[in-house]
């Protein structure tokens, strides 16, 4: 037997696993490709020689309006050489050298339906120099998807999807998108046109792709950059460009497990997105496994990705479990069982996730048999004025955000024989989501054989939620 420690709350829970169990840790079991030795120089070179667009020096002049859009705290990266901290000062320098007035530059956090970033978080994202130079003049702001004084309704694109975008970005003479290309269960990768289709729009636009009819297709699980969701991101982003009459000047970095740059490209989004994907594929899609697994185990901390409570809020717990299925479906057997440690202590974090307790309660009533049944309440919840106020003025997630999580969560039911939560302090909350509960990993493993049969193949995934994940496949 061997001991593996899995995340649990703010600590760890040990599990005794058979010696035959395999272990995969992102960036460790299979090493990342070599990262850039000098990300500052590489980023500057990319910005000065963009692909498919003229350089910034030829695109702006005195009197030009510039909007620089950057990802929110959920995308991580607060170290000194993080992509946002490296690229934004170079872009600012190029704009100012070309004659742009400092007062004509806006920096916009593309939080989309995520909660707005606090002053302290914006400082961490941008670094003290950029923050202090622009924030106090009102030139660093969060996107507000409910502020119709600063939104533009672009109608419906060729595919019938409603498109809305940030007006400051729409009106800018130069619209810059700073993105990260990193493995993501929603459409393969973050960055590229995903950034525009989720970060600077509104819930009605996002509801065209973060919904069951898109997320429950065979091209969504396992994860793929060729899914309908990814195509919708591209279609929406290109529609924005068509309506603006100009391209987004995009500067994307391909990142490794630890947020270091593997490559940096700048220019037209349509031009650089496939280049970013090609580099990212080498790090993200890892054909490592020699077999399919009957049981996958991982541990869920209380605070990760969407924020404090992600690992205890029962709806977000289900979404996080499903995200691992989306990533690793290629190596799951047909009878696969998932086992996950979680405090599951009743902490919804209502201030940050104001719609989630309401969604959870509705799921227990009103003839809801599956998470998909909750979608009949979309208009009611997404337009709730009190919840919208919490999003706009009190750092809460937009009320529609929960529906994208329930759409994802149902994928766990679609693709497993059972999901176990171990260590739940309030096990009834996990069972109310359709999960089984046991006190320990060992108890869950003993029970799981009734689904898998004797001598199941086991894969342990420690640090699944605390490192940038890979998408696992089988050796060819």
Protein backbone atom coordinates (compact mmCIF):
# COMPACT_ATOMS: atom_id res chain seq x y z
CA UNK A 1 0.00 0.00 0.00
CA UNK A 2 1.06 3.61 -0.51
CA UNK A 3 -0.11 6.85 1.05
CA UNK A 4 -1.27 9.74 -1.12
CA UNK A 5 -2.30 13.08 0.38
CA UNK A 6 -5.28 14.81 -1.22
CA UNK A 7 -6.40 18.41 -0.71
CA UNK A 8 -9.13 18.81 1.89
CA UNK A 9 -10.32 22.19 3.19
CA UNK A 10 -7.15 24.15 3.94
CA UNK A 11 -5.14 20.96 4.56
CA UNK A 12 -4.90 17.39 3.34
CA UNK A 13 -6.56 14.00 3.78
CA UNK A 14 -4.39 10.87 3.40
CA UNK A 15 -5.53 7.85 1.41
CA UNK A 16 -4.10 4.35 1.52
CA UNK A 17 -4.02 3.11 -2.07
CA UNK A 18 -2.90 -0.20 -3.57
CA UNK A 19 0.63 -0.28 -4.90
CA UNK A 20 -0.86 -0.78 -8.37
CA UNK A 21 -2.52 2.67 -8.29
CA UNK A 22 -1.03 5.23 -10.70
CA UNK A 23 -0.39 8.85 -9.72
CA UNK A 24 -0.36 11.88 -12.02
CA UNK A 25 0.68 15.37 -10.90
CA UNK A 26 0.58 18.18 -13.53
CA UNK A 27 3.99 19.54 -14.43
CA UNK A 28 5.73 16.82 -12.42
CA UNK A 29 4.77 13.36 -13.70
CA UNK A 30 5.24 14.67 -17.24
CA UNK A 31 7.42 17.76 -17.41
CA UNK A 32 6.28 20.88 -19.20
CA UNK A 33 8.08 22.05 -22.33
CA UNK A 34 10.87 24.52 -21.63
CA UNK A 35 9.57 27.96 -20.73
CA UNK A 36 10.92 31.23 -22.16
CA UNK A 37 14.21 32.31 -20.60
CA UNK A 38 13.36 36.00 -21.09
CA UNK A 39 9.57 36.51 -21.24
CA UNK A 40 9.96 40.31 -21.25
CA UNK A 41 12.08 40.31 -24.41
CA UNK A 42 9.84 37.75 -26.10
CA UNK A 43 6.73 39.74 -25.27
CA UNK A 44 8.24 42.96 -26.52
CA UNK A 45 9.27 41.29 -29.78
CA UNK A 46 5.75 39.91 -30.27
CA UNK A 47 4.11 43.28 -29.64
CA UNK A 48 6.50 45.16 -31.92
CA UNK A 49 6.08 42.66 -34.77
CA UNK A 50 2.40 41.64 -34.64
CA UNK A 51 0.94 39.01 -36.96
CA UNK A 52 -1.84 40.08 -39.32
CA UNK A 53 -2.01 43.67 -38.01
CA UNK A 54 0.14 46.81 -38.11
CA UNK A 55 2.21 47.57 -35.01
CA UNK A 56 0.75 49.83 -32.35
CA UNK A 57 2.97 52.73 -33.48
CA UNK A 58 1.14 52.75 -36.83
CA UNK A 59 -2.34 52.17 -35.40
CA UNK A 60 -2.64 55.10 -32.95
CA UNK A 61 -1.70 58.75 -32.64
CA UNK A 62 -2.49 61.77 -30.51
CA UNK A 63 -6.22 61.79 -29.82
CA UNK A 64 -6.65 58.02 -30.24
CA UNK A 65 -8.70 56.20 -27.62
CA UNK A 66 -7.16 52.96 -26.30
CA UNK A 67 -8.84 50.19 -24.30
CA UNK A 68 -6.62 47.50 -22.80
CA UNK A 69 -8.61 44.47 -21.62
CA UNK A 70 -7.00 42.03 -19.19
CA UNK A 71 -8.20 38.82 -17.46
CA UNK A 72 -9.46 38.85 -13.88
CA UNK A 73 -8.11 37.18 -10.73
CA UNK A 74 -9.66 33.81 -11.66
CA UNK A 75 -7.00 33.39 -14.36
CA UNK A 76 -4.20 33.75 -11.80
CA UNK A 77 -0.71 35.09 -12.38
CA UNK A 78 0.40 37.67 -9.83
CA UNK A 79 4.17 37.17 -9.97
CA UNK A 80 6.49 39.81 -11.35
CA UNK A 81 6.87 38.17 -14.77
CA UNK A 82 3.20 37.17 -15.12
CA UNK A 83 1.93 37.82 -18.64
CA UNK A 84 -0.35 40.69 -17.66
CA UNK A 85 2.41 42.40 -15.68
CA UNK A 86 4.87 42.03 -18.55
CA UNK A 87 2.69 42.85 -21.56
CA UNK A 88 0.60 45.79 -20.33
CA UNK A 89 3.56 48.13 -19.57
CA UNK A 90 5.01 47.45 -23.03
CA UNK A 91 1.69 48.22 -24.71
CA UNK A 92 1.31 51.38 -22.64
CA UNK A 93 4.83 52.44 -23.59
CA UNK A 94 4.12 51.94 -27.30
CA UNK A 95 0.87 53.91 -27.11
CA UNK A 96 2.47 56.83 -25.28
CA UNK A 97 5.45 56.88 -27.66
CA UNK A 98 2.99 57.10 -30.57
CA UNK A 99 1.46 60.25 -29.04
CA UNK A 100 -1.62 58.83 -27.29
CA UNK A 101 -2.64 60.97 -24.34
CA UNK A 102 -2.37 59.09 -21.06
CA UNK A 103 -5.90 60.27 -20.21
CA UNK A 104 -7.22 58.50 -23.34
CA UNK A 105 -6.21 55.03 -22.11
CA UNK A 106 -8.56 52.75 -20.18
CA UNK A 107 -7.61 49.46 -18.55
CA UNK A 108 -10.61 47.14 -18.26
CA UNK A 109 -10.72 43.94 -16.24
CA UNK A 110 -12.66 41.35 -18.24
CA UNK A 111 -14.44 39.75 -15.29
CA UNK A 112 -17.57 38.98 -17.34
CA UNK A 113 -20.05 37.35 -14.95
CA UNK A 114 -17.38 36.72 -12.32
CA UNK A 115 -17.38 38.97 -9.30
CA UNK A 116 -15.61 42.29 -9.76
CA UNK A 117 -12.03 42.49 -8.63
CA UNK A 118 -11.24 44.52 -5.54
CA UNK A 119 -8.76 47.40 -5.43
CA UNK A 120 -6.19 45.12 -3.81
CA UNK A 121 -6.72 42.40 -6.44
CA UNK A 122 -6.37 44.87 -9.31
CA UNK A 123 -3.11 46.08 -7.79
CA UNK A 124 -1.89 42.46 -7.61
CA UNK A 125 -2.86 41.81 -11.23
CA UNK A 126 -1.34 44.98 -12.73
CA UNK A 127 1.59 45.55 -10.39
CA UNK A 128 2.06 48.73 -8.34
CA UNK A 129 3.51 50.94 -11.09
CA UNK A 130 0.70 50.54 -13.64
CA UNK A 131 -1.94 50.46 -10.91
CA UNK A 132 -0.78 53.71 -9.30
CA UNK A 133 -0.37 55.45 -12.66
CA UNK A 134 -3.93 54.75 -13.82
CA UNK A 135 -6.22 53.55 -11.02
CA UNK A 136 -6.48 56.78 -9.06
CA UNK A 137 -7.52 58.67 -12.21
CA UNK A 138 -10.45 56.27 -12.76
CA UNK A 139 -8.71 54.55 -15.66
CA UNK A 140 -8.73 51.00 -14.23
CA UNK A 141 -12.22 49.52 -14.08
CA UNK A 142 -14.06 46.22 -13.94
CA UNK A 143 -16.36 45.29 -16.78
CA UNK A 144 -19.99 45.60 -15.66
CA UNK A 145 -22.26 43.31 -17.66
CA UNK A 146 -25.37 45.07 -16.31
CA UNK A 147 -24.31 48.69 -16.93
CA UNK A 148 -26.28 49.51 -20.06
CA UNK A 149 -24.73 52.97 -20.18
CA UNK A 150 -21.51 51.18 -21.12
CA UNK A 151 -22.79 48.24 -23.18
CA UNK A 152 -23.58 47.96 -26.89
CA UNK A 153 -26.21 45.56 -28.21
CA UNK A 154 -24.80 44.18 -31.48
CA UNK A 155 -27.93 42.20 -32.32
CA UNK A 156 -27.55 38.57 -33.35
CA UNK A 157 -24.71 37.10 -35.33
CA UNK A 158 -25.08 34.84 -38.36
CA UNK A 159 -25.76 31.87 -36.07
CA UNK A 160 -28.54 33.54 -34.09
CA UNK A 161 -26.55 34.22 -30.92
CA UNK A 162 -27.17 37.50 -29.12
CA UNK A 163 -23.98 39.58 -28.89
CA UNK A 164 -23.44 42.40 -26.41
CA UNK A 165 -20.10 44.06 -25.65
CA UNK A 166 -18.41 46.68 -23.53
CA UNK A 167 -18.98 50.13 -25.08
CA UNK A 168 -15.59 51.55 -24.10
CA UNK A 169 -13.94 48.69 -25.97
CA UNK A 170 -16.34 49.07 -28.91
CA UNK A 171 -15.59 52.81 -29.22
CA UNK A 172 -11.82 52.53 -28.82
CA UNK A 173 -9.53 53.25 -31.76
CA UNK A 174 -7.31 50.44 -30.47
CA UNK A 175 -8.87 47.56 -28.55
CA UNK A 176 -6.17 45.40 -26.94
CA UNK A 177 -6.92 41.96 -25.50
CA UNK A 178 -4.38 40.45 -23.10
CA UNK A 179 -5.01 36.69 -22.87
CA UNK A 180 -3.68 33.43 -21.49
CA UNK A 181 -3.75 30.21 -23.49
CA UNK A 182 -4.04 27.55 -20.82
CA UNK A 183 -5.93 24.25 -20.70
CA UNK A 184 -9.59 24.84 -19.92
CA UNK A 185 -12.50 22.37 -19.81
CA UNK A 186 -14.72 24.96 -21.51
CA UNK A 187 -13.64 24.93 -25.15
CA UNK A 188 -10.14 23.54 -24.75
CA UNK A 189 -8.28 26.74 -23.87
CA UNK A 190 -8.76 30.09 -22.25
CA UNK A 191 -7.57 33.14 -24.18
CA UNK A 192 -8.21 33.90 -27.84
CA UNK A 193 -11.80 34.66 -28.74
CA UNK A 194 -12.99 32.99 -25.52
CA UNK A 195 -11.72 36.09 -23.76
CA UNK A 196 -14.04 38.37 -25.74
CA UNK A 197 -17.04 36.01 -25.75
CA UNK A 198 -17.06 35.66 -21.95
CA UNK A 199 -15.15 38.59 -20.46
CA UNK A 200 -16.64 41.78 -21.96
CA UNK A 201 -20.21 40.75 -22.72
CA UNK A 202 -23.41 40.02 -20.76
CA UNK A 203 -25.30 36.97 -19.50
CA UNK A 204 -27.58 36.71 -22.55
CA UNK A 205 -24.56 36.36 -24.82
CA UNK A 206 -22.91 33.86 -22.49
CA UNK A 207 -26.19 31.94 -22.33
CA UNK A 208 -25.69 31.07 -26.01
CA UNK A 209 -22.81 28.75 -25.14
CA UNK A 210 -22.73 27.99 -21.38
CA UNK A 211 -25.89 25.89 -21.57
CA UNK A 212 -26.82 22.18 -21.83
CA UNK A 213 -27.47 22.06 -25.59
CA UNK A 214 -23.85 23.12 -26.11
CA UNK A 215 -22.17 21.58 -23.07
CA UNK A 216 -23.86 18.17 -23.20
CA UNK A 217 -22.79 17.36 -26.75
CA UNK A 218 -20.32 14.61 -27.57
CA UNK A 219 -17.85 17.20 -28.86
CA UNK A 220 -17.67 18.87 -25.42
CA UNK A 221 -16.66 15.80 -23.38
CA UNK A 222 -13.83 14.96 -23.63
CA UNK A 223 -12.45 18.47 -23.92
CA UNK A 224 -11.72 19.70 -27.43
CA UNK A 225 -10.79 22.96 -29.10
CA UNK A 226 -13.04 21.85 -31.99
CA UNK A 227 -16.27 21.79 -29.98
CA UNK A 228 -19.39 23.79 -30.76
CA UNK A 229 -18.62 25.90 -27.70
CA UNK A 230 -15.23 26.86 -29.11
CA UNK A 231 -16.78 27.66 -32.49
CA UNK A 232 -19.32 29.89 -30.75
CA UNK A 233 -16.52 31.77 -28.99
CA UNK A 234 -14.91 32.41 -32.37
CA UNK A 235 -18.18 33.41 -34.02
CA UNK A 236 -19.04 35.89 -31.27
CA UNK A 237 -15.56 37.42 -31.20
CA UNK A 238 -15.51 37.83 -34.97
CA UNK A 239 -18.99 39.38 -34.90
CA UNK A 240 -17.71 41.95 -32.40
CA UNK A 241 -14.83 42.75 -34.76
CA UNK A 242 -17.19 43.05 -37.71
CA UNK A 243 -19.45 45.45 -35.83
CA UNK A 244 -16.48 47.49 -34.53
CA UNK A 245 -14.98 47.67 -38.00
CA UNK A 246 -11.58 46.65 -36.66
CA UNK A 247 -9.70 43.70 -35.21
CA UNK A 248 -8.78 43.16 -31.61
CA UNK A 249 -5.05 43.64 -31.11
CA UNK A 250 -4.48 40.43 -29.16
CA UNK A 251 -1.44 39.57 -27.07
CA UNK A 252 -1.69 36.01 -25.76
CA UNK A 253 0.83 33.97 -23.82
CA UNK A 254 0.86 30.19 -23.76
CA UNK A 255 1.43 29.23 -20.12
CA UNK A 256 2.81 26.18 -18.37
CA UNK A 257 1.71 24.56 -15.11
CA UNK A 258 3.29 27.32 -13.04
CA UNK A 259 2.16 30.37 -15.03
CA UNK A 260 5.40 30.76 -16.97
CA UNK A 261 5.35 31.71 -20.64
CA UNK A 262 6.03 28.97 -23.19
CA UNK A 263 5.41 31.37 -26.08
CA UNK A 264 3.94 34.82 -26.71
CA UNK A 265 2.13 35.96 -29.83
CA UNK A 266 0.56 39.29 -30.74
CA UNK A 267 -1.61 40.50 -33.60
CA UNK A 268 -5.02 39.58 -34.95
CA UNK A 269 -6.86 37.10 -32.76
CA UNK A 270 -7.84 34.93 -35.72
CA UNK A 271 -4.19 34.88 -36.81
CA UNK A 272 -2.53 34.04 -33.50
CA UNK A 273 -5.11 31.75 -31.89
CA UNK A 274 -4.10 28.65 -33.90
CA UNK A 275 -0.42 29.41 -33.23
CA UNK A 276 -1.09 29.54 -29.49
CA UNK A 277 -3.10 26.31 -29.63
CA UNK A 278 -0.32 24.49 -31.47
CA UNK A 279 2.20 25.31 -28.74
CA UNK A 280 -0.29 24.69 -25.94
CA UNK A 281 -1.24 21.27 -27.34
CA UNK A 282 2.29 20.03 -26.63
CA UNK A 283 1.92 20.86 -22.94
CA UNK A 284 -1.79 20.26 -22.37
CA UNK A 285 -2.84 17.12 -24.27
CA UNK A 286 -0.64 14.48 -22.65
CA UNK A 287 -0.90 10.92 -23.99
CA UNK A 288 0.47 9.34 -20.83
CA UNK A 289 -1.87 6.55 -19.73
CA UNK A 290 -1.38 2.92 -20.76
CA UNK A 291 -4.93 1.90 -19.85
CA UNK A 292 -8.31 3.22 -18.90
CA UNK A 293 -9.13 3.73 -15.24
CA UNK A 294 -12.06 2.41 -13.25
CA UNK A 295 -11.58 4.83 -10.35
CA UNK A 296 -10.20 8.37 -10.27
CA UNK A 297 -9.42 10.10 -6.97
CA UNK A 298 -8.69 13.73 -6.21
CA UNK A 299 -9.00 16.23 -3.39
CA UNK A 300 -10.83 19.54 -3.29
CA UNK A 301 -9.55 22.47 -1.24
CA UNK A 302 -12.07 24.96 0.07
CA UNK A 303 -10.58 27.91 -1.81
CA UNK A 304 -9.62 27.62 -5.49
CA UNK A 305 -10.40 28.92 -8.97
CA UNK A 306 -13.72 30.79 -8.56
CA UNK A 307 -12.92 31.67 -4.97
CA UNK A 308 -13.35 30.75 -1.34
CA UNK A 309 -16.19 28.25 -1.15
CA UNK A 310 -15.60 26.58 -4.51
CA UNK A 311 -14.71 23.39 -2.65
CA UNK A 312 -17.62 23.51 -0.19
CA UNK A 313 -20.51 25.06 -2.13
CA UNK A 314 -22.33 21.90 -3.34
CA UNK A 315 -23.14 23.22 -6.83
CA UNK A 316 -19.58 24.38 -7.38
CA UNK A 317 -18.29 21.08 -5.99
CA UNK A 318 -20.27 19.22 -8.64
CA UNK A 319 -18.97 21.55 -11.35
CA UNK A 320 -15.37 21.01 -10.26
CA UNK A 321 -15.80 17.23 -10.31
CA UNK A 322 -17.35 17.38 -13.77
CA UNK A 323 -14.47 19.55 -15.00
CA UNK A 324 -12.07 16.69 -14.20
CA UNK A 325 -14.26 14.33 -16.21
CA UNK A 326 -14.22 16.70 -19.18
CA UNK A 327 -10.43 16.83 -19.04
CA UNK A 328 -9.80 13.10 -18.52
CA UNK A 329 -12.73 11.29 -20.17
CA UNK A 330 -10.35 9.72 -22.70
CA UNK A 331 -8.80 7.56 -19.98
CA UNK A 332 -11.99 6.72 -18.03
CA UNK A 333 -13.57 3.27 -18.31
CA UNK A 334 -17.27 2.92 -19.01
CA UNK A 335 -17.83 1.99 -15.35
CA UNK A 336 -15.67 4.75 -13.93
CA UNK A 337 -16.24 5.95 -10.37
CA UNK A 338 -14.95 9.26 -9.02
CA UNK A 339 -13.94 9.77 -5.40
CA UNK A 340 -13.22 13.25 -4.08
CA UNK A 341 -12.42 14.64 -0.64
CA UNK A 342 -14.26 17.81 0.42
CA UNK A 343 -15.16 19.51 3.67
CA UNK A 344 -18.69 20.00 2.28
CA UNK A 345 -19.53 21.87 5.47
CA UNK A 346 -22.43 24.02 4.30
CA UNK A 347 -20.30 27.05 3.44
CA UNK A 348 -21.93 28.45 0.30
CA UNK A 349 -20.16 31.82 0.64
CA UNK A 350 -23.43 33.60 -0.03
CA UNK A 351 -21.79 37.02 -0.33
CA UNK A 352 -19.63 35.93 -3.24
CA UNK A 353 -22.10 33.45 -4.80
CA UNK A 354 -25.50 35.07 -4.08
CA UNK A 355 -27.60 32.92 -6.43
CA UNK A 356 -26.23 29.53 -5.47
CA UNK A 357 -28.23 28.75 -2.35
CA UNK A 358 -31.41 29.66 -4.22
CA UNK A 359 -30.44 27.31 -7.06
CA UNK A 360 -29.60 24.52 -4.61
CA UNK A 361 -32.97 24.92 -2.86
CA UNK A 362 -34.83 24.94 -6.19
CA UNK A 363 -33.05 21.76 -7.20
CA UNK A 364 -34.59 20.00 -4.20
CA UNK A 365 -38.13 21.06 -5.18
CA UNK A 366 -40.45 21.92 -8.07
CA UNK A 367 -40.09 18.57 -9.87
CA UNK A 368 -36.35 18.98 -10.50
CA UNK A 369 -34.93 15.52 -11.19
CA UNK A 370 -31.67 16.57 -12.84
CA UNK A 371 -29.63 19.74 -12.80
CA UNK A 372 -30.81 20.49 -16.33
CA UNK A 373 -34.34 21.00 -14.98
CA UNK A 374 -33.15 24.15 -13.22
CA UNK A 375 -32.84 25.95 -16.54
CA UNK A 376 -36.53 26.79 -16.52
CA UNK A 377 -35.62 29.33 -13.83
CA UNK A 378 -32.94 31.15 -15.87
CA UNK A 379 -34.93 34.32 -16.57
CA UNK A 380 -36.22 34.49 -13.00
CA UNK A 381 -32.79 34.15 -11.40
CA UNK A 382 -30.66 35.97 -13.98
CA UNK A 383 -32.87 39.08 -13.80
CA UNK A 384 -33.18 39.14 -10.02
CA UNK A 385 -32.56 42.80 -9.18
CA UNK A 386 -31.19 42.19 -5.69
CA UNK A 387 -28.68 39.62 -6.93
CA UNK A 388 -27.69 41.91 -9.80
CA UNK A 389 -27.03 44.69 -7.28
CA UNK A 390 -24.72 42.33 -5.40
CA UNK A 391 -22.86 41.64 -8.64
CA UNK A 392 -22.59 45.30 -9.56
CA UNK A 393 -21.82 46.82 -6.19
CA UNK A 394 -20.85 44.13 -3.67
CA UNK A 395 -18.39 41.74 -5.34
CA UNK A 396 -20.82 38.92 -6.00
CA UNK A 397 -20.97 36.63 -9.01
CA UNK A 398 -23.71 37.43 -11.52
CA UNK A 399 -26.83 35.32 -10.87
CA UNK A 400 -26.59 33.57 -14.26
CA UNK A 401 -23.17 32.21 -13.38
CA UNK A 402 -24.71 29.39 -11.36
CA UNK A 403 -26.52 28.02 -14.42
CA UNK A 404 -23.26 27.53 -16.31
CA UNK A 405 -22.09 25.57 -13.26
CA UNK A 406 -25.18 23.35 -13.11
CA UNK A 407 -24.90 22.69 -16.85
CA UNK A 408 -21.34 21.53 -16.25
CA UNK A 409 -22.20 19.60 -13.09
CA UNK A 410 -24.68 17.36 -14.90
CA UNK A 411 -21.78 16.03 -16.98
CA UNK A 412 -20.70 14.05 -13.91
CA UNK A 413 -23.99 12.16 -13.93
CA UNK A 414 -23.72 11.60 -17.68
CA UNK A 415 -20.25 10.04 -17.57
CA UNK A 416 -19.81 8.07 -14.31
CA UNK A 417 -21.36 5.16 -12.49
CA UNK A 418 -21.05 7.01 -9.17
CA UNK A 419 -19.45 10.03 -7.53
CA UNK A 420 -18.32 9.75 -3.90
CA UNK A 421 -17.51 12.63 -1.58
CA UNK A 422 -15.36 11.67 1.39
CA UNK A 423 -14.94 13.65 4.60
CA UNK A 424 -18.14 15.69 4.21
CA UNK A 425 -19.08 17.47 7.44
CA UNK A 426 -22.60 17.97 6.08
CA UNK A 427 -22.99 14.83 3.92
CA UNK A 428 -26.63 15.56 3.20
CA UNK A 429 -25.58 18.46 0.97
CA UNK A 430 -23.50 16.15 -1.21
CA UNK A 431 -26.25 13.53 -1.34
CA UNK A 432 -28.74 16.23 -2.33
CA UNK A 433 -26.59 16.77 -5.45
CA UNK A 434 -26.74 13.07 -6.31
CA UNK A 435 -23.35 12.15 -4.86
CA UNK A 436 -22.63 9.31 -2.44
CA UNK A 437 -20.79 9.93 0.82
CA UNK A 438 -18.29 8.00 2.89
CA UNK A 439 -16.07 9.04 5.77
CA UNK A 440 -12.76 8.06 4.15
CA UNK A 441 -11.16 7.24 0.82
CA UNK A 442 -10.70 3.65 1.98
CA UNK A 443 -14.43 3.21 2.69
CA UNK A 444 -15.33 4.69 -0.69
CA UNK A 445 -12.85 2.43 -2.49
CA UNK A 446 -14.32 -0.62 -0.77
CA UNK A 447 -17.84 0.34 -1.81
CA UNK A 448 -16.89 1.35 -5.37
CA UNK A 449 -16.08 -2.21 -6.45
CA UNK A 450 -19.79 -2.96 -6.74
CA UNK A 451 -19.71 -0.69 -9.81
CA UNK A 452 -16.23 -1.43 -11.12
CA UNK A 453 -15.74 -5.07 -10.23
CA UNK A 454 -12.82 -6.49 -8.28
CA UNK A 455 -9.27 -5.22 -8.75
CA UNK A 456 -10.16 -1.87 -10.35
CA UNK A 457 -7.50 0.22 -12.06
CA UNK A 458 -6.97 3.37 -9.99
CA UNK A 459 -5.64 6.81 -10.89
CA UNK A 460 -4.80 9.33 -8.16
CA UNK A 461 -4.79 13.00 -9.17
CA UNK A 462 -3.36 15.02 -6.26
CA UNK A 463 -3.13 18.78 -6.85
CA UNK A 464 -5.81 18.50 -9.55
CA UNK A 465 -7.32 21.82 -8.44
CA UNK A 466 -4.20 23.64 -7.27
CA UNK A 467 -2.12 23.33 -10.44
CA UNK A 468 -2.98 24.15 -14.04
CA UNK A 469 -4.42 20.86 -15.26
CA UNK A 470 -3.51 18.81 -18.29
CA UNK A 471 -5.90 16.86 -20.52
CA UNK A 472 -4.88 13.22 -20.23
CA UNK A 473 -5.03 10.65 -23.01
CA UNK A 474 -3.65 7.21 -23.75
CA UNK A 475 -0.25 6.46 -25.22
CA UNK A 476 -0.42 5.86 -28.96
